[in-house]
C-alpha atoms as a PDB file:
ATOM      1  CA  MET A   1      12.885  19.903 110.613  1.00  0.00           C
ATOM      2  CA  MET A   2      10.134  22.421 110.369  1.00  0.00           C
ATOM      3  CA  SER A   3       8.239  19.766 108.460  1.00  0.00           C
ATOM      4  CA  SER A   4       8.473  17.273 111.329  1.00  0.00           C
ATOM      5  CA  ILE A   5       5.295  18.454 113.082  1.00  0.00           C
ATOM      6  CA  LYS A   6       3.824  20.597 110.368  1.00  0.00           C
ATOM      7  CA  HIS A   7       2.928  17.563 108.315  1.00  0.00           C
ATOM      8  CA  LEU A   8       3.873  14.840 110.810  1.00  0.00           C
ATOM      9  CA  SER A   9       6.247  13.909 108.038  1.00  0.00           C
ATOM     10  CA  GLN A  10       4.531  13.999 104.662  1.00  0.00           C
ATOM     11  CA  LEU A  11       5.309  10.377 103.957  1.00  0.00           C
ATOM     12  CA  LYS A  12       3.879   9.340 107.340  1.00  0.00           C
ATOM     13  CA  LYS A  13       0.755  11.375 106.674  1.00  0.00           C
ATOM     14  CA  THR A  14       0.390   9.851 103.204  1.00  0.00           C
ATOM     15  CA  SER A  15       0.727   6.397 104.743  1.00  0.00           C
ATOM     16  CA  LEU A  16      -2.009   7.144 107.287  1.00  0.00           C
ATOM     17  CA  MET A  17      -4.258   8.402 104.518  1.00  0.00           C
ATOM     18  CA  LEU A  18      -3.601   5.278 102.460  1.00  0.00           C
ATOM     19  CA  ILE A  19      -4.558   3.123 105.442  1.00  0.00           C
ATOM     20  CA  ALA A  20      -7.752   5.122 105.919  1.00  0.00           C
ATOM     21  CA  VAL A  21      -8.603   4.821 102.227  1.00  0.00           C
ATOM     22  CA  SER A  22      -8.002   1.074 102.361  1.00  0.00           C
ATOM     23  CA  ILE A  23     -10.150   0.556 105.472  1.00  0.00           C
ATOM     24  CA  LEU A  24     -12.994   2.535 103.925  1.00  0.00           C
ATOM     25  CA  ALA A  25     -12.492   1.055 100.478  1.00  0.00           C
ATOM     26  CA  GLY A  26     -15.728  -0.897 100.580  1.00  0.00           C
ATOM     27  CA  CYS A  27     -17.628   2.380 100.544  1.00  0.00           C
ATOM     28  CA  GLY A  28     -16.201   3.211  97.129  1.00  0.00           C
ATOM     29  CA  LYS A  29     -17.703   0.379  95.140  1.00  0.00           C
ATOM     30  CA  GLU A  30     -20.406   2.616  93.706  1.00  0.00           C
ATOM     31  CA  GLN A  31     -17.965   5.240  92.442  1.00  0.00           C
ATOM     32  CA  PRO A  32     -18.149   6.151  88.755  1.00  0.00           C
ATOM     33  CA  LYS A  33     -15.817   4.227  86.516  1.00  0.00           C
ATOM     34  CA  THR A  34     -14.323   7.380  85.023  1.00  0.00           C
ATOM     35  CA  GLU A  35     -11.679   9.828  86.244  1.00  0.00           C
ATOM     36  CA  TYR A  36      -9.832   7.128  88.150  1.00  0.00           C
ATOM     37  CA  VAL A  37      -6.126   6.284  88.213  1.00  0.00           C
ATOM     38  CA  ALA A  38      -6.278   2.717  89.510  1.00  0.00           C
ATOM     39  CA  ARG A  39      -8.787  -0.066  90.072  1.00  0.00           C
ATOM     40  CA  VAL A  40      -8.842  -3.353  91.959  1.00  0.00           C
ATOM     41  CA  ASN A  41     -11.984  -5.242  90.957  1.00  0.00           C
ATOM     42  CA  ASP A  42     -14.902  -2.967  91.942  1.00  0.00           C
ATOM     43  CA  VAL A  43     -12.872  -0.504  94.027  1.00  0.00           C
ATOM     44  CA  TYR A  44     -11.492   2.635  92.403  1.00  0.00           C
ATOM     45  CA  LEU A  45      -8.821   5.172  93.316  1.00  0.00           C
ATOM     46  CA  THR A  46     -10.082   8.381  91.761  1.00  0.00           C
ATOM     47  CA  LYS A  47      -7.999  11.356  90.701  1.00  0.00           C
ATOM     48  CA  LYS A  48      -9.628  13.351  93.483  1.00  0.00           C
ATOM     49  CA  GLU A  49      -8.674  10.774  96.111  1.00  0.00           C
ATOM     50  CA  LEU A  50      -5.096  10.658  94.802  1.00  0.00           C
ATOM     51  CA  ALA A  51      -4.916  14.449  94.999  1.00  0.00           C
ATOM     52  CA  SER A  52      -5.953  14.227  98.669  1.00  0.00           C
ATOM     53  CA  LEU A  53      -2.992  11.924  99.332  1.00  0.00           C
ATOM     54  CA  ILE A  54      -0.296  13.876  97.486  1.00  0.00           C
ATOM     55  CA  ASP A  55       0.096  17.127  95.578  1.00  0.00           C
ATOM     56  CA  THR A  56      -0.196  15.692  92.083  1.00  0.00           C
ATOM     57  CA  THR A  57       0.826  19.007  90.497  1.00  0.00           C
ATOM     58  CA  THR A  58       4.307  19.070  92.023  1.00  0.00           C
ATOM     59  CA  VAL A  59       5.429  15.520  92.821  1.00  0.00           C
ATOM     60  CA  SER A  60       7.407  13.500  90.317  1.00  0.00           C
ATOM     61  CA  THR A  61       5.754  10.860  88.159  1.00  0.00           C
ATOM     62  CA  LEU A  62       7.954   8.263  89.870  1.00  0.00           C
ATOM     63  CA  TYR A  63       6.664   9.203  93.333  1.00  0.00           C
ATOM     64  CA  LYS A  64       3.055   9.363  92.116  1.00  0.00           C
ATOM     65  CA  ASN A  65       3.362   5.891  90.596  1.00  0.00           C
ATOM     66  CA  GLU A  66       4.819   4.597  93.862  1.00  0.00           C
ATOM     67  CA  VAL A  67       1.824   5.919  95.821  1.00  0.00           C
ATOM     68  CA  ILE A  68      -0.576   4.324  93.320  1.00  0.00           C
ATOM     69  CA  ARG A  69       1.308   1.022  93.495  1.00  0.00           C
ATOM     70  CA  ASN A  70       1.118   1.078  97.306  1.00  0.00           C
ATOM     71  CA  TRP A  71      -2.633   1.696  97.094  1.00  0.00           C
ATOM     72  CA  VAL A  72      -3.069  -1.260  94.738  1.00  0.00           C
ATOM     73  CA  ASN A  73      -0.999  -3.507  97.011  1.00  0.00           C
ATOM     74  CA  LYS A  74      -3.004  -2.527 100.078  1.00  0.00           C
ATOM     75  CA  GLU A  75      -6.328  -2.945  98.237  1.00  0.00           C
ATOM     76  CA  ILE A  76      -5.404  -6.405  96.951  1.00  0.00           C
ATOM     77  CA  LEU A  77      -4.469  -7.518 100.463  1.00  0.00           C
ATOM     78  CA  PHE A  78      -7.574  -5.893 101.977  1.00  0.00           C
ATOM     79  CA  GLN A  79      -9.936  -7.609  99.559  1.00  0.00           C
ATOM     80  CA  LYS A  80      -8.227 -10.956 100.097  1.00  0.00           C
ATOM     81  CA  ALA A  81      -8.458 -10.476 103.874  1.00  0.00           C
ATOM     82  CA  GLU A  82     -12.135  -9.574 103.531  1.00  0.00           C
ATOM     83  CA  ASN A  83     -12.793 -12.740 101.531  1.00  0.00           C
ATOM     84  CA  GLU A  84     -10.949 -14.796 104.160  1.00  0.00           C
ATOM     85  CA  GLY A  85     -13.179 -13.420 106.925  1.00  0.00           C
ATOM     86  CA  ILE A  86     -10.392 -11.463 108.631  1.00  0.00           C
ATOM     87  CA  LEU A  87     -12.660  -8.416 109.096  1.00  0.00           C
ATOM     88  CA  GLN A  88     -14.962 -10.409 111.368  1.00  0.00           C
ATOM     89  CA  LYS A  89     -12.227 -11.548 113.741  1.00  0.00           C
ATOM     90  CA  ASP A  90     -11.950  -9.941 117.182  1.00  0.00           C
ATOM     91  CA  ASP A  91      -8.220  -9.232 116.897  1.00  0.00           C
ATOM     92  CA  TYR A  92      -8.816  -7.341 113.644  1.00  0.00           C
ATOM     93  CA  LYS A  93     -11.621  -5.276 115.182  1.00  0.00           C
ATOM     94  CA  LYS A  94      -9.380  -4.447 118.153  1.00  0.00           C
ATOM     95  CA  LEU A  95      -6.561  -3.342 115.869  1.00  0.00           C
ATOM     96  CA  VAL A  96      -8.930  -1.199 113.804  1.00  0.00           C
ATOM     97  CA  LYS A  97     -10.242   0.450 116.941  1.00  0.00           C
ATOM     98  CA  ASN A  98      -6.737   1.206 118.220  1.00  0.00           C
ATOM     99  CA  SER A  99      -5.579   2.406 114.795  1.00  0.00           C
ATOM    100  CA  GLY A 100      -8.630   4.628 114.577  1.00  0.00           C
ATOM    101  CA  LYS A 101      -7.754   6.222 117.910  1.00  0.00           C
ATOM    102  CA  GLU A 102      -4.171   6.798 116.793  1.00  0.00           C
ATOM    103  CA  LEU A 103      -5.293   8.276 113.474  1.00  0.00           C
ATOM    104  CA  ALA A 104      -7.840  10.556 115.149  1.00  0.00           C
ATOM    105  CA  GLY A 105      -5.227  11.746 117.649  1.00  0.00           C
ATOM    106  CA  ALA A 106      -2.706  12.431 114.896  1.00  0.00           C
ATOM    107  CA  ILE A 107      -5.265  14.460 112.947  1.00  0.00           C
ATOM    108  CA  LEU A 108      -6.193  16.392 116.096  1.00  0.00           C
ATOM    109  CA  LEU A 109      -2.568  17.315 116.836  1.00  0.00           C
ATOM    110  CA  ASP A 110      -1.923  18.207 113.209  1.00  0.00           C
ATOM    111  CA  SER A 111      -5.024  20.402 113.149  1.00  0.00           C
ATOM    112  CA  TYR A 112      -4.048  22.108 116.403  1.00  0.00           C
ATOM    113  CA  ILE A 113      -0.451  22.833 115.442  1.00  0.00           C
ATOM    114  CA  SER A 114      -1.493  24.065 111.977  1.00  0.00           C
ATOM    115  CA  SER A 115      -3.792  26.615 113.609  1.00  0.00           C
ATOM    116  CA  VAL A 116      -1.015  28.134 115.731  1.00  0.00           C
ATOM    117  CA  THR A 117       1.162  30.997 114.521  1.00  0.00           C
ATOM    118  CA  ILE A 118       4.604  31.177 116.094  1.00  0.00           C
ATOM    119  CA  ASN A 119       5.803  34.777 116.241  1.00  0.00           C
ATOM    120  CA  PHE A 120       9.487  35.543 116.669  1.00  0.00           C
ATOM    121  CA  GLU A 121      12.091  38.155 115.844  1.00  0.00           C
ATOM    122  CA  GLN A 122      15.619  37.768 114.548  1.00  0.00           C
ATOM    123  CA  ARG A 123      17.106  38.261 118.022  1.00  0.00           C
ATOM    124  CA  ASP A 124      15.134  35.197 119.152  1.00  0.00           C
ATOM    125  CA  LEU A 125      16.818  33.152 116.437  1.00  0.00           C
ATOM    126  CA  ILE A 126      20.248  34.560 117.277  1.00  0.00           C
ATOM    127  CA  ASN A 127      19.780  33.722 120.968  1.00  0.00           C
ATOM    128  CA  TYR A 128      18.636  30.211 120.051  1.00  0.00           C
ATOM    129  CA  PHE A 129      21.674  29.808 117.789  1.00  0.00           C
ATOM    130  CA  ASP A 130      24.082  30.987 120.488  1.00  0.00           C
ATOM    131  CA  GLU A 131      22.515  28.774 123.156  1.00  0.00           C
ATOM    132  CA  ASN A 132      22.562  25.653 120.958  1.00  0.00           C
ATOM    133  CA  ILE A 133      25.643  26.300 118.861  1.00  0.00           C
ATOM    134  CA  ASP A 134      26.974  22.743 119.230  1.00  0.00           C
ATOM    135  CA  ASP A 135      23.828  21.443 117.531  1.00  0.00           C
ATOM    136  CA  PHE A 136      24.788  23.327 114.386  1.00  0.00           C
ATOM    137  CA  LYS A 137      28.225  21.795 113.961  1.00  0.00           C
ATOM    138  CA  LEU A 138      28.657  20.334 110.503  1.00  0.00           C
ATOM    139  CA  VAL A 139      29.347  16.621 110.284  1.00  0.00           C
ATOM    140  CA  ASP A 140      30.509  16.592 106.665  1.00  0.00           C
ATOM    141  CA  ASN A 141      32.715  18.607 104.348  1.00  0.00           C
ATOM    142  CA  SER A 142      30.409  21.380 103.165  1.00  0.00           C
ATOM    143  CA  TYR A 143      30.525  24.250 100.696  1.00  0.00           C
ATOM    144  CA  LEU A 144      28.784  27.599 100.524  1.00  0.00           C
ATOM    145  CA  ILE A 145      28.418  28.191  96.805  1.00  0.00           C
ATOM    146  CA  ASN A 146      26.855  30.315  94.113  1.00  0.00           C
ATOM    147  CA  ILE A 147      25.857  28.224  91.117  1.00  0.00           C
ATOM    148  CA  ILE A 148      24.150  28.885  87.799  1.00  0.00           C
ATOM    149  CA  HIS A 149      23.214  26.614  84.887  1.00  0.00           C
ATOM    150  CA  PHE A 150      22.852  27.684  81.250  1.00  0.00           C
ATOM    151  CA  SER A 151      21.439  26.005  78.173  1.00  0.00           C
ATOM    152  CA  ASN A 152      23.894  27.923  75.978  1.00  0.00           C
ATOM    153  CA  GLU A 153      27.665  27.600  76.398  1.00  0.00           C
ATOM    154  CA  ASP A 154      28.486  31.031  74.940  1.00  0.00           C
ATOM    155  CA  ARG A 155      26.169  32.740  77.407  1.00  0.00           C
ATOM    156  CA  ALA A 156      27.780  30.787  80.242  1.00  0.00           C
ATOM    157  CA  VAL A 157      31.193  32.022  79.087  1.00  0.00           C
ATOM    158  CA  GLU A 158      29.882  35.608  78.950  1.00  0.00           C
ATOM    159  CA  PHE A 159      28.466  35.291  82.458  1.00  0.00           C
ATOM    160  CA  ARG A 160      31.772  33.991  83.824  1.00  0.00           C
ATOM    161  CA  SER A 161      33.700  36.840  82.200  1.00  0.00           C
ATOM    162  CA  LEU A 162      31.285  39.357  83.688  1.00  0.00           C
ATOM    163  CA  VAL A 163      31.716  37.855  87.171  1.00  0.00           C
ATOM    164  CA  LEU A 164      35.504  38.092  86.822  1.00  0.00           C
ATOM    165  CA  ASP A 165      35.221  41.760  85.811  1.00  0.00           C
ATOM    166  CA  SER A 166      32.739  42.687  88.570  1.00  0.00           C
ATOM    167  CA  ASP A 167      31.153  40.242  91.030  1.00  0.00           C
ATOM    168  CA  TRP A 168      28.551  37.487  91.131  1.00  0.00           C
ATOM    169  CA  GLN A 169      25.571  39.619  92.163  1.00  0.00           C
ATOM    170  CA  LYS A 170      26.199  42.293  89.520  1.00  0.00           C
ATOM    171  CA  ALA A 171      26.449  39.579  86.876  1.00  0.00           C
ATOM    172  CA  MET A 172      23.201  38.061  88.137  1.00  0.00           C
ATOM    173  CA  ASN A 173      21.480  41.440  87.876  1.00  0.00           C
ATOM    174  CA  ILE A 174      22.601  41.841  84.275  1.00  0.00           C
ATOM    175  CA  PHE A 175      21.503  38.307  83.350  1.00  0.00           C
ATOM    176  CA  TYR A 176      18.153  38.660  85.117  1.00  0.00           C
ATOM    177  CA  GLY A 177      15.446  37.237  82.849  1.00  0.00           C
ATOM    178  CA  ASP A 178      17.934  35.699  80.418  1.00  0.00           C
ATOM    179  CA  THR A 179      16.147  32.817  78.686  1.00  0.00           C
ATOM    180  CA  THR A 180      19.300  30.667  78.590  1.00  0.00           C
ATOM    181  CA  VAL A 181      19.463  30.512  82.398  1.00  0.00           C
ATOM    182  CA  ILE A 182      18.058  27.133  83.449  1.00  0.00           C
ATOM    183  CA  ASN A 183      18.473  27.522  87.188  1.00  0.00           C
ATOM    184  CA  ASN A 184      20.566  29.362  89.775  1.00  0.00           C
ATOM    185  CA  GLU A 185      21.133  29.404  93.528  1.00  0.00           C
ATOM    186  CA  ASN A 186      22.932  32.031  95.598  1.00  0.00           C
ATOM    187  CA  GLU A 187      24.890  31.227  98.746  1.00  0.00           C
ATOM    188  CA  VAL A 188      23.466  27.764  99.186  1.00  0.00           C
ATOM    189  CA  LEU A 189      25.150  25.529 101.775  1.00  0.00           C
ATOM    190  CA  LEU A 190      25.640  21.992 100.498  1.00  0.00           C
ATOM    191  CA  LYS A 191      27.167  18.896 101.995  1.00  0.00           C
ATOM    192  CA  GLU A 192      29.675  17.188  99.752  1.00  0.00           C
ATOM    193  CA  GLN A 193      27.263  14.322  99.082  1.00  0.00           C
ATOM    194  CA  ASP A 194      24.492  16.783  98.164  1.00  0.00           C
ATOM    195  CA  ILE A 195      26.416  17.954  95.088  1.00  0.00           C
ATOM    196  CA  SER A 196      24.954  15.414  92.681  1.00  0.00           C
ATOM    197  CA  SER A 197      27.111  16.286  89.672  1.00  0.00           C
ATOM    198  CA  ILE A 198      30.448  14.485  89.858  1.00  0.00           C
ATOM    199  CA  LYS A 199      31.985  17.039  87.475  1.00  0.00           C
ATOM    200  CA  VAL A 200      30.876  19.985  89.611  1.00  0.00           C
ATOM    201  CA  LEU A 201      32.006  18.309  92.833  1.00  0.00           C
ATOM    202  CA  ARG A 202      35.421  17.548  91.377  1.00  0.00           C
ATOM    203  CA  VAL A 203      35.869  21.204  90.451  1.00  0.00           C
ATOM    204  CA  VAL A 204      34.487  22.562  93.745  1.00  0.00           C
ATOM    205  CA  LYS A 205      36.829  20.420  95.847  1.00  0.00           C
ATOM    206  CA  ARG A 206      39.843  21.963  94.091  1.00  0.00           C
ATOM    207  CA  MET A 207      38.681  25.571  94.333  1.00  0.00           C
ATOM    208  CA  HIS A 208      39.624  28.224  96.904  1.00  0.00           C
ATOM    209  CA  PRO A 209      37.083  30.544  98.578  1.00  0.00           C
ATOM    210  CA  LEU A 210      35.748  33.261  96.215  1.00  0.00           C
ATOM    211  CA  GLU A 211      37.277  31.506  93.195  1.00  0.00           C
ATOM    212  CA  ILE A 212      35.206  31.289  89.985  1.00  0.00           C
ATOM    213  CA  SER A 213      35.114  28.004  88.119  1.00  0.00           C
ATOM    214  CA  ILE A 214      35.586  27.451  84.440  1.00  0.00           C
ATOM    215  CA  VAL A 215      32.422  26.732  82.466  1.00  0.00           C
ATOM    216  CA  ILE A 216      31.626  23.118  83.325  1.00  0.00           C
ATOM    217  CA  SER A 217      30.010  21.186  80.492  1.00  0.00           C
ATOM    218  CA  GLU A 218      27.923  18.664  82.402  1.00  0.00           C
ATOM    219  CA  ARG A 219      26.138  17.430  79.294  1.00  0.00           C
ATOM    220  CA  GLU A 220      24.873  18.740  75.964  1.00  0.00           C
ATOM    221  CA  GLY A 221      22.791  21.858  76.596  1.00  0.00           C
ATOM    222  CA  TYR A 222      23.732  22.117  80.288  1.00  0.00           C
ATOM    223  CA  TYR A 223      26.619  24.395  81.236  1.00  0.00           C
ATOM    224  CA  THR A 224      27.495  25.376  84.779  1.00  0.00           C
ATOM    225  CA  VAL A 225      29.451  28.149  86.459  1.00  0.00           C
ATOM    226  CA  VAL A 226      30.104  27.921  90.193  1.00  0.00           C
ATOM    227  CA  GLN A 227      31.716  30.125  92.801  1.00  0.00           C
ATOM    228  CA  VAL A 228      32.885  28.751  96.135  1.00  0.00           C
ATOM    229  CA  VAL A 229      32.062  31.404  98.712  1.00  0.00           C
ATOM    230  CA  ASN A 230      33.451  29.370 101.615  1.00  0.00           C
ATOM    231  CA  LYS A 231      34.482  25.887 102.632  1.00  0.00           C
ATOM    232  CA  TYR A 232      33.694  24.157 105.937  1.00  0.00           C
ATOM    233  CA  LEU A 233      35.358  21.185 107.570  1.00  0.00           C
ATOM    234  CA  PRO A 234      33.478  18.695 109.756  1.00  0.00           C
ATOM    235  CA  GLY A 235      33.014  20.092 113.250  1.00  0.00           C
ATOM    236  CA  SER A 236      32.939  23.712 112.134  1.00  0.00           C
ATOM    237  CA  VAL A 237      29.930  26.003 112.615  1.00  0.00           C
ATOM    238  CA  PRO A 238      28.926  28.413 109.826  1.00  0.00           C
ATOM    239  CA  SER A 239      27.960  31.935 110.811  1.00  0.00           C
ATOM    240  CA  PHE A 240      24.351  32.649 111.771  1.00  0.00           C
ATOM    241  CA  ASN A 241      23.656  34.438 108.480  1.00  0.00           C
ATOM    242  CA  VAL A 242      24.777  31.391 106.500  1.00  0.00           C
ATOM    243  CA  ILE A 243      22.537  28.901 108.297  1.00  0.00           C
ATOM    244  CA  LYS A 244      19.705  31.205 109.333  1.00  0.00           C
ATOM    245  CA  PRO A 245      17.077  29.088 107.464  1.00  0.00           C
ATOM    246  CA  GLU A 246      18.189  25.976 109.367  1.00  0.00           C
ATOM    247  CA  VAL A 247      18.192  27.874 112.675  1.00  0.00           C
ATOM    248  CA  GLU A 248      14.670  29.112 111.967  1.00  0.00           C
ATOM    249  CA  LYS A 249      13.413  25.603 111.158  1.00  0.00           C
ATOM    250  CA  ARG A 250      14.863  24.154 114.340  1.00  0.00           C
ATOM    251  CA  TYR A 251      13.575  27.055 116.436  1.00  0.00           C
ATOM    252  CA  ILE A 252      10.037  26.617 115.112  1.00  0.00           C
ATOM    253  CA  MET A 253      10.256  22.864 115.606  1.00  0.00           C
ATOM    254  CA  GLU A 254      11.206  23.374 119.277  1.00  0.00           C
ATOM    255  CA  LYS A 255       8.413  25.892 119.829  1.00  0.00           C
ATOM    256  CA  ARG A 256       5.860  23.566 118.245  1.00  0.00           C
ATOM    257  CA  LYS A 257       7.081  20.716 120.424  1.00  0.00           C
ATOM    258  CA  GLU A 258       6.575  22.918 123.502  1.00  0.00           C
ATOM    259  CA  LEU A 259       3.102  23.890 122.314  1.00  0.00           C
ATOM    260  CA  LEU A 260       2.101  20.252 121.858  1.00  0.00           C
ATOM    261  CA  GLU A 261       3.423  19.324 125.287  1.00  0.00           C
ATOM    262  CA  ASN A 262       1.464  22.171 126.882  1.00  0.00           C
ATOM    263  CA  TYR A 263      -1.638  21.238 124.879  1.00  0.00           C
ATOM    264  CA  ILE A 264      -1.497  17.677 126.187  1.00  0.00           C
ATOM    265  CA  LYS A 265      -0.912  18.953 129.745  1.00  0.00           C
ATOM    266  CA  ASP A 266      -4.057  21.071 129.398  1.00  0.00           C
ATOM    267  CA  LEU A 267      -5.980  17.991 128.279  1.00  0.00           C
ATOM    268  CA  TYR A 268      -4.745  16.168 131.385  1.00  0.00           C
ATOM    269  CA  SER A 269      -6.145  18.935 133.579  1.00  0.00           C
ATOM    270  CA  MET A 270      -9.494  18.843 131.775  1.00  0.00           C
ATOM    271  CA  ASN A 271     -10.053  15.103 132.201  1.00  0.00           C
ATOM    272  CA  GLU A 272     -10.349  12.622 135.044  1.00  0.00           C
ATOM    273  CA  ILE A 273      -7.281  10.396 134.793  1.00  0.00           C
ATOM    274  CA  GLU A 274      -6.389   7.543 137.119  1.00  0.00           C
ATOM    275  CA  VAL A 275      -3.385   5.228 136.813  1.00  0.00           C
ATOM    276  CA  ILE A 276      -3.222   2.311 139.219  1.00  0.00           C
ATOM    277  CA  ASN A 277       0.161   0.617 139.697  1.00  0.00           C
END
């Protein structure tokens, strides 16, 4: 939720950028024919332009290819429309003008909200949680779990034994930096459908709170140990400490919404506005 105004939804922002790139595509016909990722006739999508649309260092290859494919589709249609004389039609010019206003406004709001720092203390989050507790009711079966994945089965077995003899955190401290640990998460709250591994889900559903699983062999070279810290039925509300990150995201989202509303009110007061019914 925090992302809702921060990036006006990243996909929405990417779409706006793609539209802008397409509209201005004619300006790119003199670009060098190197360091590009796609081309439609004399128009190029350069690596630099792609990097301005998405973070090419973190997104998956599948997502990157989808963005490139969308650019190609838009460019093909744009060039065909240009050849058909669409760009000279009044209805097109009107749409471009209106779209330009919408795009400029979106960039303005994004720039404004990105420049604002929202300060708060934990008591602010607790008060927000208490006042809006019904909004935090879970709608699905959910599990608060500790989970760790190993590349070596023997090390996974050793970790499980250590947890049984002490506790999860002490075992984690001992295995800190172990090269066979692929990934781990502590006290993560997951909906049932968010547990992607069918094997892990099957085990988790049978476990009791604070129980330690057997070593789950998900596939060759991928061994999992999980602890169910707590289980939640639909309609229940986890404690504040469990869902503090979600509370913080919603709190910031609300504060940003208020800031935007006040910003627009200020703009009303600074301009001459007349509405005739």
